[in-house]
C-alpha atoms as a PDB file:
ATOM      1  CA  MET A   1     106.319 -13.302 113.550  1.00  0.00           C
ATOM      2  CA  ARG A   2     107.940  -9.885 113.548  1.00  0.00           C
ATOM      3  CA  ASN A   3     105.903  -6.706 114.000  1.00  0.00           C
ATOM      4  CA  LEU A   4     107.288  -4.026 111.694  1.00  0.00           C
ATOM      5  CA  LYS A   5     106.617  -0.303 111.700  1.00  0.00           C
ATOM      6  CA  LEU A   6     106.871   1.382 108.308  1.00  0.00           C
ATOM      7  CA  MET A   7     107.029   5.142 107.787  1.00  0.00           C
ATOM      8  CA  LEU A   8     105.608   6.085 104.396  1.00  0.00           C
ATOM      9  CA  ALA A   9     105.404   9.147 102.179  1.00  0.00           C
ATOM     10  CA  TYR A  10     103.077   9.234  99.214  1.00  0.00           C
ATOM     11  CA  ASP A  11     101.559  11.379  96.507  1.00  0.00           C
ATOM     12  CA  GLY A  12      97.874  10.511  96.809  1.00  0.00           C
ATOM     13  CA  ALA A  13      96.730  12.179  93.597  1.00  0.00           C
ATOM     14  CA  GLU A  14      96.484   8.951  91.575  1.00  0.00           C
ATOM     15  CA  PHE A  15      95.153   6.748  94.369  1.00  0.00           C
ATOM     16  CA  ALA A  16      91.638   6.106  95.692  1.00  0.00           C
ATOM     17  CA  GLY A  17      92.827   6.707  99.250  1.00  0.00           C
ATOM     18  CA  TRP A  18      94.535   4.436 101.784  1.00  0.00           C
ATOM     19  CA  GLN A  19      91.802   1.814 102.249  1.00  0.00           C
ATOM     20  CA  VAL A  20      92.053  -1.216  99.971  1.00  0.00           C
ATOM     21  CA  GLN A  21      89.224  -1.390  97.431  1.00  0.00           C
ATOM     22  CA  PRO A  22      88.492  -3.685  94.486  1.00  0.00           C
ATOM     23  CA  GLU A  23      89.504  -2.593  90.999  1.00  0.00           C
ATOM     24  CA  VAL A  24      91.063   0.755  92.000  1.00  0.00           C
ATOM     25  CA  PRO A  25      94.616   1.593  93.109  1.00  0.00           C
ATOM     26  CA  THR A  26      94.983   2.351  96.822  1.00  0.00           C
ATOM     27  CA  ILE A  27      97.993   2.936  99.053  1.00  0.00           C
ATOM     28  CA  GLN A  28      97.210  -0.012 101.335  1.00  0.00           C
ATOM     29  CA  GLY A  29      96.547  -2.370  98.429  1.00  0.00           C
ATOM     30  CA  THR A  30      99.679  -1.338  96.541  1.00  0.00           C
ATOM     31  CA  LEU A  31     101.844  -1.722  99.647  1.00  0.00           C
ATOM     32  CA  ALA A  32     100.328  -5.140 100.455  1.00  0.00           C
ATOM     33  CA  SER A  33     100.997  -6.307  96.905  1.00  0.00           C
ATOM     34  CA  ALA A  34     104.630  -5.169  97.045  1.00  0.00           C
ATOM     35  CA  ILE A  35     105.198  -6.931 100.385  1.00  0.00           C
ATOM     36  CA  GLY A  36     103.603 -10.081  98.982  1.00  0.00           C
ATOM     37  CA  ARG A  37     105.874 -10.072  95.924  1.00  0.00           C
ATOM     38  CA  LEU A  38     108.921  -9.630  98.134  1.00  0.00           C
ATOM     39  CA  THR A  39     108.144 -12.099 100.935  1.00  0.00           C
ATOM     40  CA  GLY A  40     105.469 -14.410  99.548  1.00  0.00           C
ATOM     41  CA  GLU A  41     103.249 -13.543 102.510  1.00  0.00           C
ATOM     42  CA  LYS A  42      99.657 -12.351 102.154  1.00  0.00           C
ATOM     43  CA  VAL A  43      99.280  -9.415 104.539  1.00  0.00           C
ATOM     44  CA  LEU A  44      97.239  -6.238 104.917  1.00  0.00           C
ATOM     45  CA  PRO A  45      99.307  -3.403 106.458  1.00  0.00           C
ATOM     46  CA  GLN A  46      97.406  -1.325 109.022  1.00  0.00           C
ATOM     47  CA  GLY A  47      97.787   2.442 108.746  1.00  0.00           C
ATOM     48  CA  SER A  48      97.527   5.113 111.434  1.00  0.00           C
ATOM     49  CA  GLY A  49      94.497   6.440 109.573  1.00  0.00           C
ATOM     50  CA  ARG A  50      92.612   6.130 106.310  1.00  0.00           C
ATOM     51  CA  THR A  51      93.569   9.083 104.127  1.00  0.00           C
ATOM     52  CA  ASP A  52      90.973   9.906 101.459  1.00  0.00           C
ATOM     53  CA  ALA A  53      91.377   9.756  97.700  1.00  0.00           C
ATOM     54  CA  GLY A  54      93.787  12.466  96.579  1.00  0.00           C
ATOM     55  CA  VAL A  55      95.197  13.143 100.069  1.00  0.00           C
ATOM     56  CA  HIS A  56      98.975  13.045 100.499  1.00  0.00           C
ATOM     57  CA  ALA A  57     101.257  11.930 103.334  1.00  0.00           C
ATOM     58  CA  LEU A  58     104.713  12.987 104.417  1.00  0.00           C
ATOM     59  CA  ALA A  59     104.883  10.525 107.312  1.00  0.00           C
ATOM     60  CA  GLN A  60     102.101   7.964 107.339  1.00  0.00           C
ATOM     61  CA  VAL A  61     102.775   5.048 109.711  1.00  0.00           C
ATOM     62  CA  ALA A  62     101.797   1.452 109.017  1.00  0.00           C
ATOM     63  CA  THR A  63     102.344  -1.798 110.904  1.00  0.00           C
ATOM     64  CA  VAL A  64     102.588  -5.267 109.422  1.00  0.00           C
ATOM     65  CA  SER A  65     103.414  -8.692 110.873  1.00  0.00           C
ATOM     66  CA  LEU A  66     105.839 -10.784 108.819  1.00  0.00           C
ATOM     67  CA  GLN A  67     107.632 -14.096 109.127  1.00  0.00           C
ATOM     68  CA  SER A  68     110.278 -13.046 106.617  1.00  0.00           C
ATOM     69  CA  PRO A  69     113.784 -12.745 108.109  1.00  0.00           C
ATOM     70  CA  ILE A  70     114.782  -9.953 105.697  1.00  0.00           C
ATOM     71  CA  PRO A  71     116.609  -7.233 107.716  1.00  0.00           C
ATOM     72  CA  VAL A  72     114.487  -4.100 108.043  1.00  0.00           C
ATOM     73  CA  GLU A  73     117.003  -1.905 106.189  1.00  0.00           C
ATOM     74  CA  ASN A  74     117.022  -4.302 103.244  1.00  0.00           C
ATOM     75  CA  LEU A  75     113.237  -4.621 103.370  1.00  0.00           C
ATOM     76  CA  ALA A  76     112.730  -0.862 103.008  1.00  0.00           C
ATOM     77  CA  ARG A  77     115.210  -0.713 100.134  1.00  0.00           C
ATOM     78  CA  ALA A  78     113.652  -3.670  98.356  1.00  0.00           C
ATOM     79  CA  LEU A  79     110.120  -2.340  98.734  1.00  0.00           C
ATOM     80  CA  ASN A  80     111.138   0.975  97.197  1.00  0.00           C
ATOM     81  CA  GLY A  81     112.455  -0.977  94.239  1.00  0.00           C
ATOM     82  CA  ILE A  82     109.005  -2.534  93.721  1.00  0.00           C
ATOM     83  CA  LEU A  83     106.600   0.236  94.716  1.00  0.00           C
ATOM     84  CA  PRO A  84     105.590   2.965  92.258  1.00  0.00           C
ATOM     85  CA  ALA A  85     107.555   6.206  92.601  1.00  0.00           C
ATOM     86  CA  ALA A  86     104.497   7.848  94.197  1.00  0.00           C
ATOM     87  CA  ILE A  87     104.940   5.696  97.334  1.00  0.00           C
ATOM     88  CA  ARG A  88     108.178   5.584  99.335  1.00  0.00           C
ATOM     89  CA  VAL A  89     109.128   3.657 102.459  1.00  0.00           C
ATOM     90  CA  LEU A  90     111.153   6.192 104.424  1.00  0.00           C
ATOM     91  CA  LYS A  91     112.021   3.878 107.288  1.00  0.00           C
ATOM     92  CA  ALA A  92     111.313   0.389 108.612  1.00  0.00           C
ATOM     93  CA  VAL A  93     111.903  -0.724 112.203  1.00  0.00           C
ATOM     94  CA  GLU A  94     110.969  -3.746 114.288  1.00  0.00           C
ATOM     95  CA  VAL A  95     108.625  -2.883 117.179  1.00  0.00           C
ATOM     96  CA  PRO A  96     107.009  -4.771 120.101  1.00  0.00           C
ATOM     97  CA  ALA A  97     104.093  -7.056 119.223  1.00  0.00           C
ATOM     98  CA  GLU A  98     101.571  -4.814 121.006  1.00  0.00           C
ATOM     99  CA  PHE A  99     102.411  -1.747 118.894  1.00  0.00           C
ATOM    100  CA  HIS A 100      99.674  -0.865 116.381  1.00  0.00           C
ATOM    101  CA  ALA A 101      99.874   2.004 113.904  1.00  0.00           C
ATOM    102  CA  ARG A 102      96.352   3.260 114.656  1.00  0.00           C
ATOM    103  CA  ARG A 103      95.534   2.107 118.171  1.00  0.00           C
ATOM    104  CA  SER A 104      98.886   3.213 119.620  1.00  0.00           C
ATOM    105  CA  ALA A 105      98.764   6.708 118.079  1.00  0.00           C
ATOM    106  CA  ARG A 106      98.466   9.624 120.518  1.00  0.00           C
ATOM    107  CA  ALA A 107      98.344  12.592 118.124  1.00  0.00           C
ATOM    108  CA  LYS A 108      98.334  13.415 114.429  1.00  0.00           C
ATOM    109  CA  THR A 109      99.289  16.553 112.558  1.00  0.00           C
ATOM    110  CA  TYR A 110      97.797  17.628 109.248  1.00  0.00           C
ATOM    111  CA  HIS A 111      98.631  20.553 106.999  1.00  0.00           C
ATOM    112  CA  TYR A 112      96.299  21.999 104.391  1.00  0.00           C
ATOM    113  CA  ARG A 113      97.948  24.081 101.647  1.00  0.00           C
ATOM    114  CA  MET A 114      96.033  26.845  99.884  1.00  0.00           C
ATOM    115  CA  CYS A 115      97.736  28.623  96.979  1.00  0.00           C
ATOM    116  CA  ARG A 116      96.809  32.316  97.048  1.00  0.00           C
ATOM    117  CA  ALA A 117      98.759  33.393  93.961  1.00  0.00           C
ATOM    118  CA  GLU A 118      96.814  34.738  90.986  1.00  0.00           C
ATOM    119  CA  VAL A 119      98.299  31.974  88.841  1.00  0.00           C
ATOM    120  CA  CYS A 120      99.057  28.558  90.333  1.00  0.00           C
ATOM    121  CA  PRO A 121     102.139  26.915  88.783  1.00  0.00           C
ATOM    122  CA  PRO A 122     101.042  23.808  86.834  1.00  0.00           C
ATOM    123  CA  PHE A 123     103.492  21.533  88.671  1.00  0.00           C
ATOM    124  CA  LEU A 124     101.933  22.631  91.987  1.00  0.00           C
ATOM    125  CA  SER A 125      98.245  22.489  91.104  1.00  0.00           C
ATOM    126  CA  ARG A 126      97.607  18.907  92.200  1.00  0.00           C
ATOM    127  CA  TYR A 127      99.206  19.511  95.599  1.00  0.00           C
ATOM    128  CA  VAL A 128      97.285  22.617  96.751  1.00  0.00           C
ATOM    129  CA  TRP A 129      93.859  24.215  96.635  1.00  0.00           C
ATOM    130  CA  HIS A 130      94.198  27.188  94.333  1.00  0.00           C
ATOM    131  CA  TYR A 131      92.130  30.064  95.741  1.00  0.00           C
ATOM    132  CA  PRO A 132      93.265  33.469  94.384  1.00  0.00           C
ATOM    133  CA  TYR A 133      90.183  35.422  95.508  1.00  0.00           C
ATOM    134  CA  PRO A 134      90.055  37.964  98.363  1.00  0.00           C
ATOM    135  CA  LEU A 135      90.024  36.545 101.888  1.00  0.00           C
ATOM    136  CA  ASN A 136      90.242  38.047 105.345  1.00  0.00           C
ATOM    137  CA  GLU A 137      93.135  35.886 106.494  1.00  0.00           C
ATOM    138  CA  ALA A 138      93.244  37.466 109.962  1.00  0.00           C
ATOM    139  CA  ALA A 139      89.615  36.428 110.550  1.00  0.00           C
ATOM    140  CA  MET A 140      90.432  32.872 109.438  1.00  0.00           C
ATOM    141  CA  GLN A 141      93.250  32.800 111.992  1.00  0.00           C
ATOM    142  CA  GLN A 142      90.828  33.888 114.720  1.00  0.00           C
ATOM    143  CA  ALA A 143      88.339  31.219 113.688  1.00  0.00           C
ATOM    144  CA  ALA A 144      90.965  28.470 113.684  1.00  0.00           C
ATOM    145  CA  ALA A 145      91.860  29.159 117.324  1.00  0.00           C
ATOM    146  CA  LEU A 146      88.265  28.501 118.406  1.00  0.00           C
ATOM    147  CA  VAL A 147      88.416  24.758 117.711  1.00  0.00           C
ATOM    148  CA  VAL A 148      91.328  24.164 120.115  1.00  0.00           C
ATOM    149  CA  GLY A 149      90.283  21.948 123.027  1.00  0.00           C
ATOM    150  CA  GLU A 150      87.977  18.972 123.410  1.00  0.00           C
ATOM    151  CA  HIS A 151      84.779  19.251 121.367  1.00  0.00           C
ATOM    152  CA  ASP A 152      82.137  17.172 119.657  1.00  0.00           C
ATOM    153  CA  PHE A 153      83.042  17.637 115.970  1.00  0.00           C
ATOM    154  CA  THR A 154      79.849  16.162 114.509  1.00  0.00           C
ATOM    155  CA  SER A 155      79.303  19.384 112.517  1.00  0.00           C
ATOM    156  CA  PHE A 156      82.623  18.794 110.761  1.00  0.00           C
ATOM    157  CA  ALA A 157      82.314  15.040 110.147  1.00  0.00           C
ATOM    158  CA  ALA A 158      81.235  13.431 106.893  1.00  0.00           C
ATOM    159  CA  VAL A 159      77.579  12.420 107.114  1.00  0.00           C
ATOM    160  CA  ASP A 160      77.929   9.246 105.055  1.00  0.00           C
ATOM    161  CA  PRO A 161      80.369   6.347 105.511  1.00  0.00           C
ATOM    162  CA  GLU A 162      83.462   6.145 103.320  1.00  0.00           C
ATOM    163  CA  THR A 163      82.605   5.018  99.797  1.00  0.00           C
ATOM    164  CA  ASP A 164      84.466   3.723  96.768  1.00  0.00           C
ATOM    165  CA  LYS A 165      84.661   5.536  93.407  1.00  0.00           C
ATOM    166  CA  ASN A 166      81.134   4.346  92.534  1.00  0.00           C
ATOM    167  CA  GLY A 167      79.640   5.626  95.779  1.00  0.00           C
ATOM    168  CA  ASN A 168      79.324   2.180  97.370  1.00  0.00           C
ATOM    169  CA  PRO A 169      80.117   1.842 101.116  1.00  0.00           C
ATOM    170  CA  ILE A 170      83.500   0.290 101.843  1.00  0.00           C
ATOM    171  CA  GLU A 171      82.666  -2.944 103.648  1.00  0.00           C
ATOM    172  CA  ARG A 172      85.846  -3.042 105.736  1.00  0.00           C
ATOM    173  CA  TRP A 173      85.095   0.436 107.073  1.00  0.00           C
ATOM    174  CA  ILE A 174      81.531  -0.568 107.989  1.00  0.00           C
ATOM    175  CA  THR A 175      82.732  -3.718 109.787  1.00  0.00           C
ATOM    176  CA  TRP A 176      85.299  -1.717 111.737  1.00  0.00           C
ATOM    177  CA  LYS A 177      82.644   0.825 112.712  1.00  0.00           C
ATOM    178  CA  LYS A 178      80.426  -1.965 114.083  1.00  0.00           C
ATOM    179  CA  GLN A 179      83.261  -3.491 116.053  1.00  0.00           C
ATOM    180  CA  GLU A 180      84.524  -0.310 117.644  1.00  0.00           C
ATOM    181  CA  GLU A 181      82.132   2.203 119.175  1.00  0.00           C
ATOM    182  CA  ARG A 182      83.031   5.632 117.908  1.00  0.00           C
ATOM    183  CA  SER A 183      82.533   9.031 119.468  1.00  0.00           C
ATOM    184  CA  ASN A 184      82.717  12.288 117.551  1.00  0.00           C
ATOM    185  CA  VAL A 185      84.546  13.941 120.438  1.00  0.00           C
ATOM    186  CA  ARG A 186      88.154  14.820 119.634  1.00  0.00           C
ATOM    187  CA  GLU A 187      90.771  17.010 121.273  1.00  0.00           C
ATOM    188  CA  ILE A 188      92.566  19.584 119.140  1.00  0.00           C
ATOM    189  CA  PHE A 189      95.926  20.595 120.595  1.00  0.00           C
ATOM    190  CA  SER A 190      96.754  23.353 118.102  1.00  0.00           C
ATOM    191  CA  SER A 191      94.989  24.995 115.171  1.00  0.00           C
ATOM    192  CA  SER A 192      96.326  27.930 113.177  1.00  0.00           C
ATOM    193  CA  TRP A 193      96.914  29.404 109.737  1.00  0.00           C
ATOM    194  CA  GLU A 194     100.370  30.431 108.533  1.00  0.00           C
ATOM    195  CA  ARG A 195     101.471  32.511 105.545  1.00  0.00           C
ATOM    196  CA  LYS A 196     104.308  30.956 103.523  1.00  0.00           C
ATOM    197  CA  ASP A 197     104.962  33.202 100.536  1.00  0.00           C
ATOM    198  CA  ASP A 198     102.062  32.591  98.109  1.00  0.00           C
ATOM    199  CA  GLU A 199     100.596  29.843 100.274  1.00  0.00           C
ATOM    200  CA  PHE A 200      98.216  30.117 103.206  1.00  0.00           C
ATOM    201  CA  VAL A 201      98.616  26.909 105.205  1.00  0.00           C
ATOM    202  CA  TYR A 202      96.349  25.459 107.879  1.00  0.00           C
ATOM    203  CA  LEU A 203      98.236  23.520 110.570  1.00  0.00           C
ATOM    204  CA  VAL A 204      96.240  21.335 112.954  1.00  0.00           C
ATOM    205  CA  ARG A 205      97.313  18.781 115.544  1.00  0.00           C
ATOM    206  CA  GLY A 206      94.857  16.635 117.478  1.00  0.00           C
ATOM    207  CA  SER A 207      94.191  13.367 119.261  1.00  0.00           C
ATOM    208  CA  GLY A 208      92.433  12.095 116.139  1.00  0.00           C
ATOM    209  CA  PHE A 209      90.244  13.244 113.276  1.00  0.00           C
ATOM    210  CA  LEU A 210      86.871  12.248 111.882  1.00  0.00           C
ATOM    211  CA  HIS A 211      86.271  11.424 108.227  1.00  0.00           C
ATOM    212  CA  HIS A 212      86.657  14.670 106.209  1.00  0.00           C
ATOM    213  CA  MET A 213      87.049  16.660 109.446  1.00  0.00           C
ATOM    214  CA  VAL A 214      90.079  18.732 108.432  1.00  0.00           C
ATOM    215  CA  ARG A 215      88.694  19.453 104.964  1.00  0.00           C
ATOM    216  CA  ASN A 216      85.332  20.482 106.454  1.00  0.00           C
ATOM    217  CA  LEU A 217      87.088  22.786 108.914  1.00  0.00           C
ATOM    218  CA  VAL A 218      88.997  24.399 106.037  1.00  0.00           C
ATOM    219  CA  GLY A 219      85.787  24.819 104.048  1.00  0.00           C
ATOM    220  CA  THR A 220      84.187  26.554 107.029  1.00  0.00           C
ATOM    221  CA  PHE A 221      87.195  28.787 107.686  1.00  0.00           C
ATOM    222  CA  LEU A 222      86.977  29.822 104.038  1.00  0.00           C
ATOM    223  CA  LEU A 223      83.459  31.179 104.677  1.00  0.00           C
ATOM    224  CA  VAL A 224      84.928  33.218 107.523  1.00  0.00           C
ATOM    225  CA  GLY A 225      87.601  34.530 105.170  1.00  0.00           C
ATOM    226  CA  LYS A 226      84.922  35.475 102.654  1.00  0.00           C
ATOM    227  CA  GLN A 227      83.083  37.188 105.554  1.00  0.00           C
ATOM    228  CA  THR A 228      79.995  35.055 104.970  1.00  0.00           C
ATOM    229  CA  LEU A 229      80.518  33.951 108.575  1.00  0.00           C
ATOM    230  CA  ALA A 230      82.077  35.721 111.558  1.00  0.00           C
ATOM    231  CA  PRO A 231      84.881  33.956 113.471  1.00  0.00           C
ATOM    232  CA  ALA A 232      82.540  33.482 116.462  1.00  0.00           C
ATOM    233  CA  ASP A 233      80.159  31.483 114.261  1.00  0.00           C
ATOM    234  CA  VAL A 234      82.588  28.565 114.449  1.00  0.00           C
ATOM    235  CA  THR A 235      81.667  28.075 118.104  1.00  0.00           C
ATOM    236  CA  ARG A 236      77.973  28.111 117.199  1.00  0.00           C
ATOM    237  CA  ILE A 237      78.600  25.520 114.479  1.00  0.00           C
ATOM    238  CA  LEU A 238      80.456  23.265 116.911  1.00  0.00           C
ATOM    239  CA  LEU A 239      77.579  23.399 119.381  1.00  0.00           C
ATOM    240  CA  ALA A 240      75.008  22.706 116.656  1.00  0.00           C
ATOM    241  CA  ARG A 241      76.402  19.194 116.032  1.00  0.00           C
ATOM    242  CA  ASP A 242      74.877  19.397 112.585  1.00  0.00           C
ATOM    243  CA  ARG A 243      76.917  18.910 109.398  1.00  0.00           C
ATOM    244  CA  SER A 244      74.635  21.263 107.453  1.00  0.00           C
ATOM    245  CA  ALA A 245      75.650  24.146 109.737  1.00  0.00           C
ATOM    246  CA  ALA A 246      79.268  24.060 108.529  1.00  0.00           C
ATOM    247  CA  GLY A 247      80.903  24.894 105.212  1.00  0.00           C
ATOM    248  CA  SER A 248      81.518  22.620 102.254  1.00  0.00           C
ATOM    249  CA  THR A 249      84.346  20.099 102.058  1.00  0.00           C
ATOM    250  CA  ALA A 250      87.633  21.538 100.776  1.00  0.00           C
ATOM    251  CA  PRO A 251      89.337  19.652  97.908  1.00  0.00           C
ATOM    252  CA  ALA A 252      91.539  16.703  98.868  1.00  0.00           C
ATOM    253  CA  SER A 253      94.528  17.967  96.881  1.00  0.00           C
ATOM    254  CA  GLY A 254      95.735  20.388  99.568  1.00  0.00           C
ATOM    255  CA  LEU A 255      95.693  17.972 102.522  1.00  0.00           C
ATOM    256  CA  TYR A 256      98.785  16.252 103.977  1.00  0.00           C
ATOM    257  CA  LEU A 257      99.281  13.882 106.882  1.00  0.00           C
ATOM    258  CA  VAL A 258     102.495  15.343 108.292  1.00  0.00           C
ATOM    259  CA  GLU A 259     103.198  13.495 111.546  1.00  0.00           C
ATOM    260  CA  VAL A 260     101.887  10.712 113.784  1.00  0.00           C
ATOM    261  CA  GLN A 261     103.008  10.769 117.412  1.00  0.00           C
ATOM    262  CA  TYR A 262     103.149   7.770 119.749  1.00  0.00           C
END
């Protein structure tokens, strides 16, 4: 068996997230199907994290064990010939057997893109959150800095387990939760907002992220920008460890997994 590391980019708009689910297209399921067609092996690639429905990736990492002797360069090329255009294998390399896309990860970086223009170009609308209304962007920058460090992010975690399009819990996620004790403590290494022309982009890098955590942070920072909250309220929300204390969940369309570090 060979342990292969795949680097993937995908447009998540038409997919129900990474996690395989019955009767809906997912990144994991589509990739597994393409590998099966190519090698004849039934596998389930393991990703560095489970991106939600509509979330994009510039550099998702997945590992898969294969018996196929196909050279990695040819494998990547062949997979791209089978996969839909919305999913690309950027690189494939053979790695030691103990390497695992999720368990070996040391840090992840996400970007969240907010379009601040009065009119959002139609070809951009599914890749950003269009918000043309007044915001105190300086206050949002101050608020973002307050989550740097090690904190309990319960206030910014989804209350319910991951669900499919009908609202039913995803069984694989539940099983994994039972097998692996989870803490809501995470360390954020950097957190900031950056102006890029008509876009206001949130850049965050951390040891790991809870379900919906980045989108819930963005939704809370938006309240600071609207001056419904003061920047210092973010610290109070962290300490509350109560999801109802934070803002609403920002749309998935603006979120990107940008880098996974090992």
